[in-house]
Structures are given as structure tokens and as C-alpha cells.
Amino acid sequence: MALPPPRTPLVRTSPPGMSPSDTAPSGTSSPDPSLTGIPGSFGARRRRTPARRLADRGLFLAETLRTFRTTGAVTPSGRPLARALAAPLADRTGRPRAVLEVGAGTGAVSRVLAGLLGPEDTLDLVESNPRFARVLQADLRTDPRLAALGERVGLIAAPVQELDPSARYDVIVSGLPFTNFHPDEVSDLLARYLTALGPGGRLTYFGYRATTRLRAVFGSSRSLARHSGVVRVLDSFQRAHAVDCRTVWGNVPPARVWQLSAPATAIDH
């Protein structure tokens, strides 16, 4: 089945321990041993059970302790935050839309995005953490919202920097923890996102509130200086491109969601 425009087909990269065919949302395969103990990972399509939600939270906590810099959260995004990040999809364009989610984690936002897609829209999920990627790979077959997309959803188990630079999207949702990165990394990522958006495309991302105050109290002077540099980078992009900002008080912890718009004309490479 050919993927509809404006999406540029991307090479799917398998998480370690998986064959390339395992990243496809259709077909059958043997259960991945790394998913042992995650309720509902394989078998019939099913919605999240309380046990599965608890397992997702446990995995998030374990990955935070293991790789806090790139995970940046101790629990998956709550539904109110996921809906705020997916807000641009509420505006129907009358044509197929290509959507990219970067840092999909265990799919909390991915499932909300999937529920808002039109019949010809596509969704690419980027997740470089192999343990999260294995969970997502299973959910492409077993979660009703993701499995219903068939070949219109894809998993790219690689860093966002490795994506095809010619790929273009209408909406990009970023779950990466910018305040854990170096200012230059954040600047490069935001520039990459805006370049990957088609004219007028939308980028959404979030940050937890009060992080500056917490770092001032508990962080080192070096950490606070790096964080301040990231805030300046974010402020610069927000002044140039922001079209919306809202606080999601219903998330734990509360988060501020920003929506940026790409220029109405394409950005030259």
C-alpha cells in the first residue's frame, strides 16, 4: 500500500533484538522477551488495563533512573497534556496530513494523536530508547487506536537527528526534555523541527512549570547556567514563531504547552 502525500517514506530502524519486519504494524511475530511482564503486550487488540498503565509507569520510572537526561519524566504524559499537544490536529485541512511524534515513550500521546487522524493521515513515531521502542512496536499490533492505522503508522527506533532530512510534516509533536539538554542541542532540534515542517505547519512541545525555581534550589551553578541558556534559546524561538501557549494544570506535574508555527513559505536548507 502506497503511503499518501505529503509524507516522504522513511527507513524504519528496528530496536536492538528485533528484526526489521517486527516494526511493521501488521503481521504476526513471536513475543519479544523484553516485553515479558508487561500485561496485554501481545494477543488480541485491547485498551489499556489498570495493570498495563501501572506497568508503563514502572517502566518510565526505571528509565528515568537509568537515563534521566533523555527521559526527563517519571511518568507518561497524562491525557489532558496529550490532548493539548495534539491540538493542531483539531483543525481539518481537507487533505492528507503527515504527523511526527518525537520521543513517543510508551505511547500515551501517540494514542491520542491516532484517535484524531483523518482517514488518509499518517503518523511516524520516533523513539530512540530501545525499551520504550519495544513496547511501542507491540502496541502497533495490539492497541486498537494504533493498530487501526495499519500501514499509515510507523515506528522509527532511532534518534530524530537520523531522520531523512527531506521528510516533511504538517504537525510535529515533541516530547523531548529540552531543559535536560545543552542550549546548542535545543537550538539545533528546534531548527530541525521547523525545517521539517511544511509551510504553516505546527510544532507543539511542553515543559514542566517551576523547573527554574527547583534547579535554583537543588541544582548546581553549572546546571543552573545550562538551564538558563536553554530558556533563552526557547524564548528566542517562541518570540519568532509562537502562536499559542497554555498551562495544563491537570497534568502531574503541571506543564506549559507551546505551539509554534513554521513560516508560510518553505525554509531553505
C-alpha atoms as a PDB file:
ATOM      1  CA  MET A   1       0.000   0.000   0.000  1.00  0.00           C
ATOM      2  CA  ALA A   2       1.484   3.322  -1.019  1.00  0.00           C
ATOM      3  CA  LEU A   3       1.701   5.982   1.661  1.00  0.00           C
ATOM      4  CA  PRO A   4      -0.258   9.138   0.823  1.00  0.00           C
ATOM      5  CA  PRO A   5       1.430  12.505   0.264  1.00  0.00           C
ATOM      6  CA  PRO A   6       2.837  14.760   1.636  1.00  0.00           C
ATOM      7  CA  ARG A   7       4.754  12.188   3.656  1.00  0.00           C
ATOM      8  CA  THR A   8       8.204  11.082   2.494  1.00  0.00           C
ATOM      9  CA  PRO A   9       8.682   7.350   3.243  1.00  0.00           C
ATOM     10  CA  LEU A  10      11.309   6.803   5.928  1.00  0.00           C
ATOM     11  CA  VAL A  11      13.501   3.822   6.680  1.00  0.00           C
ATOM     12  CA  ARG A  12      12.282   2.087   9.811  1.00  0.00           C
ATOM     13  CA  THR A  13      15.061   1.064  12.178  1.00  0.00           C
ATOM     14  CA  SER A  14      14.457  -1.915  14.449  1.00  0.00           C
ATOM     15  CA  PRO A  15      15.170  -1.642  18.156  1.00  0.00           C
ATOM     16  CA  PRO A  16      18.007  -3.973  19.264  1.00  0.00           C
ATOM     17  CA  GLY A  17      16.805  -7.553  19.408  1.00  0.00           C
ATOM     18  CA  MET A  18      14.070  -7.060  16.787  1.00  0.00           C
ATOM     19  CA  SER A  19      14.062  -7.878  13.107  1.00  0.00           C
ATOM     20  CA  PRO A  20      13.066  -5.146  10.631  1.00  0.00           C
ATOM     21  CA  SER A  21       9.752  -6.889   9.969  1.00  0.00           C
ATOM     22  CA  ASP A  22       8.871  -6.625  13.648  1.00  0.00           C
ATOM     23  CA  THR A  23       8.489  -2.858  13.399  1.00  0.00           C
ATOM     24  CA  ALA A  24       5.633  -3.196  10.913  1.00  0.00           C
ATOM     25  CA  PRO A  25       2.159  -2.765  12.414  1.00  0.00           C
ATOM     26  CA  SER A  26       0.710  -5.737  10.543  1.00  0.00           C
ATOM     27  CA  GLY A  27       1.512  -9.434  10.540  1.00  0.00           C
ATOM     28  CA  THR A  28       2.420 -11.753  13.373  1.00  0.00           C
ATOM     29  CA  SER A  29       5.611 -12.493  15.216  1.00  0.00           C
ATOM     30  CA  SER A  30       6.843 -14.218  18.338  1.00  0.00           C
ATOM     31  CA  PRO A  31       6.603 -12.200  21.550  1.00  0.00           C
ATOM     32  CA  ASP A  32       9.671 -10.144  22.322  1.00  0.00           C
ATOM     33  CA  PRO A  33      11.288 -11.494  25.519  1.00  0.00           C
ATOM     34  CA  SER A  34      11.961  -7.915  26.648  1.00  0.00           C
ATOM     35  CA  LEU A  35       8.204  -7.372  26.987  1.00  0.00           C
ATOM     36  CA  THR A  36       7.741 -10.210  29.484  1.00  0.00           C
ATOM     37  CA  GLY A  37       5.767  -8.911  32.433  1.00  0.00           C
ATOM     38  CA  ILE A  38       4.027  -6.117  30.522  1.00  0.00           C
ATOM     39  CA  PRO A  39       0.323  -7.056  30.631  1.00  0.00           C
ATOM     40  CA  GLY A  40      -1.508  -7.044  27.323  1.00  0.00           C
ATOM     41  CA  SER A  41       1.607  -6.654  25.154  1.00  0.00           C
ATOM     42  CA  PHE A  42       0.565  -9.356  22.707  1.00  0.00           C
ATOM     43  CA  GLY A  43      -2.565 -11.131  21.614  1.00  0.00           C
ATOM     44  CA  ALA A  44      -5.941  -9.612  20.802  1.00  0.00           C
ATOM     45  CA  ARG A  45      -6.293  -5.869  20.393  1.00  0.00           C
ATOM     46  CA  ARG A  46      -7.188  -4.304  23.716  1.00  0.00           C
ATOM     47  CA  ARG A  47      -7.271  -0.993  25.503  1.00  0.00           C
ATOM     48  CA  ARG A  48      -5.011  -0.141  28.429  1.00  0.00           C
ATOM     49  CA  THR A  49      -5.898  -2.049  31.586  1.00  0.00           C
ATOM     50  CA  PRO A  50      -5.011  -0.681  35.032  1.00  0.00           C
ATOM     51  CA  ALA A  51      -2.241  -3.287  35.205  1.00  0.00           C
ATOM     52  CA  ARG A  52      -0.826  -2.143  31.872  1.00  0.00           C
ATOM     53  CA  ARG A  53      -0.935   1.508  32.880  1.00  0.00           C
ATOM     54  CA  LEU A  54       0.894   0.613  36.087  1.00  0.00           C
ATOM     55  CA  ALA A  55       3.497  -1.297  34.065  1.00  0.00           C
ATOM     56  CA  ASP A  56       4.010   1.724  31.788  1.00  0.00           C
ATOM     57  CA  ARG A  57       4.563   3.941  34.824  1.00  0.00           C
ATOM     58  CA  GLY A  58       7.023   1.428  36.262  1.00  0.00           C
ATOM     59  CA  LEU A  59       8.961   1.339  33.005  1.00  0.00           C
ATOM     60  CA  PHE A  60       9.054   5.144  32.863  1.00  0.00           C
ATOM     61  CA  LEU A  61      10.385   5.353  36.401  1.00  0.00           C
ATOM     62  CA  ALA A  62      13.052   2.740  35.652  1.00  0.00           C
ATOM     63  CA  GLU A  63      14.151   4.590  32.510  1.00  0.00           C
ATOM     64  CA  THR A  64      14.214   7.902  34.378  1.00  0.00           C
ATOM     65  CA  LEU A  65      16.605   6.396  36.901  1.00  0.00           C
ATOM     66  CA  ARG A  66      18.634   4.839  34.106  1.00  0.00           C
ATOM     67  CA  THR A  67      18.687   7.709  31.594  1.00  0.00           C
ATOM     68  CA  PHE A  68      17.191  10.824  33.193  1.00  0.00           C
ATOM     69  CA  ARG A  69      18.811  13.191  30.694  1.00  0.00           C
ATOM     70  CA  THR A  70      16.929  11.762  27.716  1.00  0.00           C
ATOM     71  CA  THR A  71      13.778  10.542  29.515  1.00  0.00           C
ATOM     72  CA  GLY A  72      13.117  13.626  31.615  1.00  0.00           C
ATOM     73  CA  ALA A  73       9.876  12.402  33.229  1.00  0.00           C
ATOM     74  CA  VAL A  74       8.952   9.886  35.888  1.00  0.00           C
ATOM     75  CA  THR A  75       5.558   9.019  34.410  1.00  0.00           C
ATOM     76  CA  PRO A  76       3.875   9.056  30.964  1.00  0.00           C
ATOM     77  CA  SER A  77       2.038  12.227  29.935  1.00  0.00           C
ATOM     78  CA  GLY A  78      -1.496  12.479  31.262  1.00  0.00           C
ATOM     79  CA  ARG A  79      -4.475  12.680  28.926  1.00  0.00           C
ATOM     80  CA  PRO A  80      -5.040  16.451  29.400  1.00  0.00           C
ATOM     81  CA  LEU A  81      -1.416  17.104  28.402  1.00  0.00           C
ATOM     82  CA  ALA A  82      -1.662  14.700  25.467  1.00  0.00           C
ATOM     83  CA  ARG A  83      -4.794  16.490  24.200  1.00  0.00           C
ATOM     84  CA  ALA A  84      -3.083  19.879  24.445  1.00  0.00           C
ATOM     85  CA  LEU A  85      -0.085  18.603  22.468  1.00  0.00           C
ATOM     86  CA  ALA A  86      -2.411  17.179  19.815  1.00  0.00           C
ATOM     87  CA  ALA A  87      -4.447  20.395  19.492  1.00  0.00           C
ATOM     88  CA  PRO A  88      -3.292  21.258  15.933  1.00  0.00           C
ATOM     89  CA  LEU A  89      -4.960  18.091  14.630  1.00  0.00           C
ATOM     90  CA  ALA A  90      -8.367  19.521  15.537  1.00  0.00           C
ATOM     91  CA  ASP A  91      -8.058  21.826  12.523  1.00  0.00           C
ATOM     92  CA  ARG A  92      -9.049  19.771   9.489  1.00  0.00           C
ATOM     93  CA  THR A  93      -7.334  20.793   6.256  1.00  0.00           C
ATOM     94  CA  GLY A  94      -9.254  18.663   3.780  1.00  0.00           C
ATOM     95  CA  ARG A  95      -6.072  16.956   2.597  1.00  0.00           C
ATOM     96  CA  PRO A  96      -3.866  14.154   3.948  1.00  0.00           C
ATOM     97  CA  ARG A  97      -1.650  15.258   6.822  1.00  0.00           C
ATOM     98  CA  ALA A  98       1.689  13.838   7.919  1.00  0.00           C
ATOM     99  CA  VAL A  99       2.286  13.824  11.674  1.00  0.00           C
ATOM    100  CA  LEU A 100       5.556  13.178  13.508  1.00  0.00           C
ATOM    101  CA  GLU A 101       5.900  12.468  17.227  1.00  0.00           C
ATOM    102  CA  VAL A 102       9.423  12.615  18.633  1.00  0.00           C
ATOM    103  CA  GLY A 103      10.065  10.927  21.963  1.00  0.00           C
ATOM    104  CA  ALA A 104       6.931   8.771  21.892  1.00  0.00           C
ATOM    105  CA  GLY A 105       7.822   6.899  25.109  1.00  0.00           C
ATOM    106  CA  THR A 106       5.168   4.282  25.873  1.00  0.00           C
ATOM    107  CA  GLY A 107       2.629   5.877  23.525  1.00  0.00           C
ATOM    108  CA  ALA A 108       0.481   7.998  25.858  1.00  0.00           C
ATOM    109  CA  VAL A 109       0.426  10.905  23.382  1.00  0.00           C
ATOM    110  CA  SER A 110       0.626   8.601  20.356  1.00  0.00           C
ATOM    111  CA  ARG A 111      -2.753   7.050  21.138  1.00  0.00           C
ATOM    112  CA  VAL A 112      -4.413  10.479  21.382  1.00  0.00           C
ATOM    113  CA  LEU A 113      -2.825  11.522  18.073  1.00  0.00           C
ATOM    114  CA  ALA A 114      -4.017   8.300  16.432  1.00  0.00           C
ATOM    115  CA  GLY A 115      -7.584   8.998  17.530  1.00  0.00           C
ATOM    116  CA  LEU A 116      -7.532  12.420  15.862  1.00  0.00           C
ATOM    117  CA  LEU A 117      -6.139  11.376  12.483  1.00  0.00           C
ATOM    118  CA  GLY A 118      -8.236  11.523   9.343  1.00  0.00           C
ATOM    119  CA  PRO A 119      -8.629   8.506   7.030  1.00  0.00           C
ATOM    120  CA  GLU A 120      -5.598   9.472   4.928  1.00  0.00           C
ATOM    121  CA  ASP A 121      -3.367  10.999   7.588  1.00  0.00           C
ATOM    122  CA  THR A 122      -0.104   9.296   8.572  1.00  0.00           C
ATOM    123  CA  LEU A 123       1.795   9.086  11.843  1.00  0.00           C
ATOM    124  CA  ASP A 124       5.519   8.495  12.384  1.00  0.00           C
ATOM    125  CA  LEU A 125       6.665   7.689  15.919  1.00  0.00           C
ATOM    126  CA  VAL A 126      10.299   8.339  16.807  1.00  0.00           C
ATOM    127  CA  GLU A 127      11.705   6.659  19.908  1.00  0.00           C
ATOM    128  CA  SER A 128      15.423   6.045  20.367  1.00  0.00           C
ATOM    129  CA  ASN A 129      15.141   4.302  23.750  1.00  0.00           C
ATOM    130  CA  PRO A 130      15.100   0.579  22.838  1.00  0.00           C
ATOM    131  CA  ARG A 131      12.964  -0.438  25.826  1.00  0.00           C
ATOM    132  CA  PHE A 132      10.278   2.126  25.004  1.00  0.00           C
ATOM    133  CA  ALA A 133      10.532   1.215  21.318  1.00  0.00           C
ATOM    134  CA  ARG A 134       9.810  -2.456  22.046  1.00  0.00           C
ATOM    135  CA  VAL A 135       6.638  -1.506  23.908  1.00  0.00           C
ATOM    136  CA  LEU A 136       5.534   0.729  21.023  1.00  0.00           C
ATOM    137  CA  GLN A 137       6.311  -1.987  18.494  1.00  0.00           C
ATOM    138  CA  ALA A 138       3.952  -4.358  20.293  1.00  0.00           C
ATOM    139  CA  ASP A 139       1.250  -1.708  20.594  1.00  0.00           C
ATOM    140  CA  LEU A 140       1.245  -1.093  16.835  1.00  0.00           C
ATOM    141  CA  ARG A 141      -0.367  -4.538  16.594  1.00  0.00           C
ATOM    142  CA  THR A 142      -2.397  -4.750  19.792  1.00  0.00           C
ATOM    143  CA  ASP A 143      -3.641  -1.260  20.737  1.00  0.00           C
ATOM    144  CA  PRO A 144      -6.954  -0.593  18.944  1.00  0.00           C
ATOM    145  CA  ARG A 145      -6.186   3.047  18.130  1.00  0.00           C
ATOM    146  CA  LEU A 146      -2.715   2.390  16.740  1.00  0.00           C
ATOM    147  CA  ALA A 147      -3.455  -0.944  15.056  1.00  0.00           C
ATOM    148  CA  ALA A 148      -6.418   0.588  13.230  1.00  0.00           C
ATOM    149  CA  LEU A 149      -3.998   2.824  11.309  1.00  0.00           C
ATOM    150  CA  GLY A 150      -2.358  -0.166   9.613  1.00  0.00           C
ATOM    151  CA  GLU A 151       0.415   0.949   7.278  1.00  0.00           C
ATOM    152  CA  ARG A 152      -0.300   4.618   7.987  1.00  0.00           C
ATOM    153  CA  VAL A 153       1.682   4.429  11.243  1.00  0.00           C
ATOM    154  CA  GLY A 154       5.387   3.696  11.502  1.00  0.00           C
ATOM    155  CA  LEU A 155       7.960   3.336  14.249  1.00  0.00           C
ATOM    156  CA  ILE A 156      11.441   4.793  13.777  1.00  0.00           C
ATOM    157  CA  ALA A 157      13.657   3.420  16.554  1.00  0.00           C
ATOM    158  CA  ALA A 158      16.471   5.929  16.109  1.00  0.00           C
ATOM    159  CA  PRO A 159      17.388   9.466  17.200  1.00  0.00           C
ATOM    160  CA  VAL A 160      15.473  12.228  15.443  1.00  0.00           C
ATOM    161  CA  GLN A 161      18.783  13.502  14.049  1.00  0.00           C
ATOM    162  CA  GLU A 162      18.919  10.393  11.831  1.00  0.00           C
ATOM    163  CA  LEU A 163      15.614  11.037  10.066  1.00  0.00           C
ATOM    164  CA  ASP A 164      15.591  11.682   6.341  1.00  0.00           C
ATOM    165  CA  PRO A 165      16.235  15.456   6.056  1.00  0.00           C
ATOM    166  CA  SER A 166      13.907  15.625   3.057  1.00  0.00           C
ATOM    167  CA  ALA A 167      10.887  14.369   5.051  1.00  0.00           C
ATOM    168  CA  ARG A 168       8.141  16.961   5.545  1.00  0.00           C
ATOM    169  CA  TYR A 169       5.342  17.053   8.105  1.00  0.00           C
ATOM    170  CA  ASP A 170       2.234  19.090   8.797  1.00  0.00           C
ATOM    171  CA  VAL A 171       2.365  18.590  12.576  1.00  0.00           C
ATOM    172  CA  ILE A 172       5.305  17.697  14.821  1.00  0.00           C
ATOM    173  CA  VAL A 173       4.818  16.844  18.492  1.00  0.00           C
ATOM    174  CA  SER A 174       7.990  16.785  20.571  1.00  0.00           C
ATOM    175  CA  GLY A 175       8.169  15.039  23.929  1.00  0.00           C
ATOM    176  CA  LEU A 176      11.898  15.563  24.381  1.00  0.00           C
ATOM    177  CA  PRO A 177      13.027  17.111  27.708  1.00  0.00           C
ATOM    178  CA  PHE A 178      14.640  20.281  26.360  1.00  0.00           C
ATOM    179  CA  THR A 179      15.667  21.559  29.784  1.00  0.00           C
ATOM    180  CA  ASN A 180      17.897  18.499  30.248  1.00  0.00           C
ATOM    181  CA  PHE A 181      19.899  19.313  27.098  1.00  0.00           C
ATOM    182  CA  HIS A 182      22.639  21.765  26.198  1.00  0.00           C
ATOM    183  CA  PRO A 183      21.408  25.060  24.684  1.00  0.00           C
ATOM    184  CA  ASP A 184      23.088  24.276  21.356  1.00  0.00           C
ATOM    185  CA  GLU A 185      21.272  20.928  21.183  1.00  0.00           C
ATOM    186  CA  VAL A 186      17.922  22.600  21.800  1.00  0.00           C
ATOM    187  CA  SER A 187      18.606  25.231  19.149  1.00  0.00           C
ATOM    188  CA  ASP A 188      19.548  22.530  16.630  1.00  0.00           C
ATOM    189  CA  LEU A 189      16.445  20.478  17.440  1.00  0.00           C
ATOM    190  CA  LEU A 190      14.034  23.392  17.114  1.00  0.00           C
ATOM    191  CA  ALA A 191      15.629  24.496  13.859  1.00  0.00           C
ATOM    192  CA  ARG A 192      15.397  20.903  12.585  1.00  0.00           C
ATOM    193  CA  TYR A 193      11.719  20.713  13.522  1.00  0.00           C
ATOM    194  CA  LEU A 194      10.838  23.981  11.804  1.00  0.00           C
ATOM    195  CA  THR A 195      12.726  22.921   8.692  1.00  0.00           C
ATOM    196  CA  ALA A 196      10.880  19.584   8.637  1.00  0.00           C
ATOM    197  CA  LEU A 197       7.508  21.321   8.762  1.00  0.00           C
ATOM    198  CA  GLY A 198       5.717  22.270   5.597  1.00  0.00           C
ATOM    199  CA  PRO A 199       4.669  25.927   5.162  1.00  0.00           C
ATOM    200  CA  GLY A 200       2.380  26.889   8.022  1.00  0.00           C
ATOM    201  CA  GLY A 201       2.948  23.575   9.804  1.00  0.00           C
ATOM    202  CA  ARG A 202       2.666  23.378  13.578  1.00  0.00           C
ATOM    203  CA  LEU A 203       5.110  22.234  16.276  1.00  0.00           C
ATOM    204  CA  THR A 204       3.986  21.518  19.837  1.00  0.00           C
ATOM    205  CA  TYR A 205       6.145  20.759  22.858  1.00  0.00           C
ATOM    206  CA  PHE A 206       5.918  21.147  26.606  1.00  0.00           C
ATOM    207  CA  GLY A 207       7.940  21.910  29.696  1.00  0.00           C
ATOM    208  CA  TYR A 208       7.128  21.378  33.350  1.00  0.00           C
ATOM    209  CA  ARG A 209       6.405  24.516  35.340  1.00  0.00           C
ATOM    210  CA  ALA A 210       8.704  25.775  38.121  1.00  0.00           C
ATOM    211  CA  THR A 211      11.785  23.937  36.836  1.00  0.00           C
ATOM    212  CA  THR A 212      13.913  27.087  37.103  1.00  0.00           C
ATOM    213  CA  ARG A 213      12.997  27.528  40.762  1.00  0.00           C
ATOM    214  CA  LEU A 214      13.695  23.881  41.540  1.00  0.00           C
ATOM    215  CA  ARG A 215      17.082  23.997  39.837  1.00  0.00           C
ATOM    216  CA  ALA A 216      17.923  27.214  41.705  1.00  0.00           C
ATOM    217  CA  VAL A 217      17.280  25.401  44.980  1.00  0.00           C
ATOM    218  CA  PHE A 218      18.610  21.917  44.252  1.00  0.00           C
ATOM    219  CA  GLY A 219      20.858  22.237  41.182  1.00  0.00           C
ATOM    220  CA  SER A 220      24.499  23.157  40.856  1.00  0.00           C
ATOM    221  CA  SER A 221      25.590  26.531  39.499  1.00  0.00           C
ATOM    222  CA  ARG A 222      26.698  24.758  36.324  1.00  0.00           C
ATOM    223  CA  SER A 223      23.294  23.107  35.906  1.00  0.00           C
ATOM    224  CA  LEU A 224      21.504  26.382  36.520  1.00  0.00           C
ATOM    225  CA  ALA A 225      23.674  28.165  33.916  1.00  0.00           C
ATOM    226  CA  ARG A 226      22.944  25.460  31.333  1.00  0.00           C
ATOM    227  CA  HIS A 227      19.224  25.604  32.130  1.00  0.00           C
ATOM    228  CA  SER A 228      19.223  29.393  31.806  1.00  0.00           C
ATOM    229  CA  GLY A 229      20.856  29.043  28.392  1.00  0.00           C
ATOM    230  CA  VAL A 230      18.119  26.627  27.283  1.00  0.00           C
ATOM    231  CA  VAL A 231      15.432  29.045  28.481  1.00  0.00           C
ATOM    232  CA  ARG A 232      16.995  31.821  26.392  1.00  0.00           C
ATOM    233  CA  VAL A 233      17.000  29.595  23.308  1.00  0.00           C
ATOM    234  CA  LEU A 234      13.364  28.618  23.853  1.00  0.00           C
ATOM    235  CA  ASP A 235      12.402  32.273  24.407  1.00  0.00           C
ATOM    236  CA  SER A 236      14.045  33.234  21.121  1.00  0.00           C
ATOM    237  CA  PHE A 237      12.112  30.634  19.107  1.00  0.00           C
ATOM    238  CA  GLN A 238       8.893  31.423  20.953  1.00  0.00           C
ATOM    239  CA  ARG A 239       9.141  35.134  20.176  1.00  0.00           C
ATOM    240  CA  ALA A 240       9.653  34.361  16.497  1.00  0.00           C
ATOM    241  CA  HIS A 241       7.186  31.523  15.976  1.00  0.00           C
ATOM    242  CA  ALA A 242       4.761  31.005  18.897  1.00  0.00           C
ATOM    243  CA  VAL A 243       1.050  31.105  18.115  1.00  0.00           C
ATOM    244  CA  ASP A 244      -0.292  29.580  21.330  1.00  0.00           C
ATOM    245  CA  CYS A 245       0.741  28.801  24.895  1.00  0.00           C
ATOM    246  CA  ARG A 246      -1.348  27.173  27.590  1.00  0.00           C
ATOM    247  CA  THR A 247      -0.814  25.627  31.015  1.00  0.00           C
ATOM    248  CA  VAL A 248      -2.188  22.151  31.644  1.00  0.00           C
ATOM    249  CA  TRP A 249      -2.904  22.196  35.356  1.00  0.00           C
ATOM    250  CA  GLY A 250      -4.447  18.725  35.184  1.00  0.00           C
ATOM    251  CA  ASN A 251      -1.102  17.111  34.433  1.00  0.00           C
ATOM    252  CA  VAL A 252       1.187  15.809  37.174  1.00  0.00           C
ATOM    253  CA  PRO A 253       3.240  17.925  37.406  1.00  0.00           C
ATOM    254  CA  PRO A 254       1.547  20.892  35.681  1.00  0.00           C
ATOM    255  CA  ALA A 255       3.025  21.598  32.264  1.00  0.00           C
ATOM    256  CA  ARG A 256       3.126  24.515  29.840  1.00  0.00           C
ATOM    257  CA  VAL A 257       2.420  23.613  26.204  1.00  0.00           C
ATOM    258  CA  TRP A 258       3.781  25.783  23.407  1.00  0.00           C
ATOM    259  CA  GLN A 259       2.612  25.763  19.814  1.00  0.00           C
ATOM    260  CA  LEU A 260       4.943  27.182  17.143  1.00  0.00           C
ATOM    261  CA  SER A 261       4.154  27.775  13.504  1.00  0.00           C
ATOM    262  CA  ALA A 262       6.519  27.351  10.584  1.00  0.00           C
ATOM    263  CA  PRO A 263       6.772  30.245   8.113  1.00  0.00           C
ATOM    264  CA  ALA A 264       4.111  30.365   5.414  1.00  0.00           C
ATOM    265  CA  THR A 265       6.860  29.779   2.864  1.00  0.00           C
ATOM    266  CA  ALA A 266       9.264  26.879   2.974  1.00  0.00           C
ATOM    267  CA  ILE A 267      12.535  27.265   4.890  1.00  0.00           C
ATOM    268  CA  ASP A 268      15.555  26.928   2.632  1.00  0.00           C
ATOM    269  CA  HIS A 269      18.144  24.351   3.569  1.00  0.00           C
END
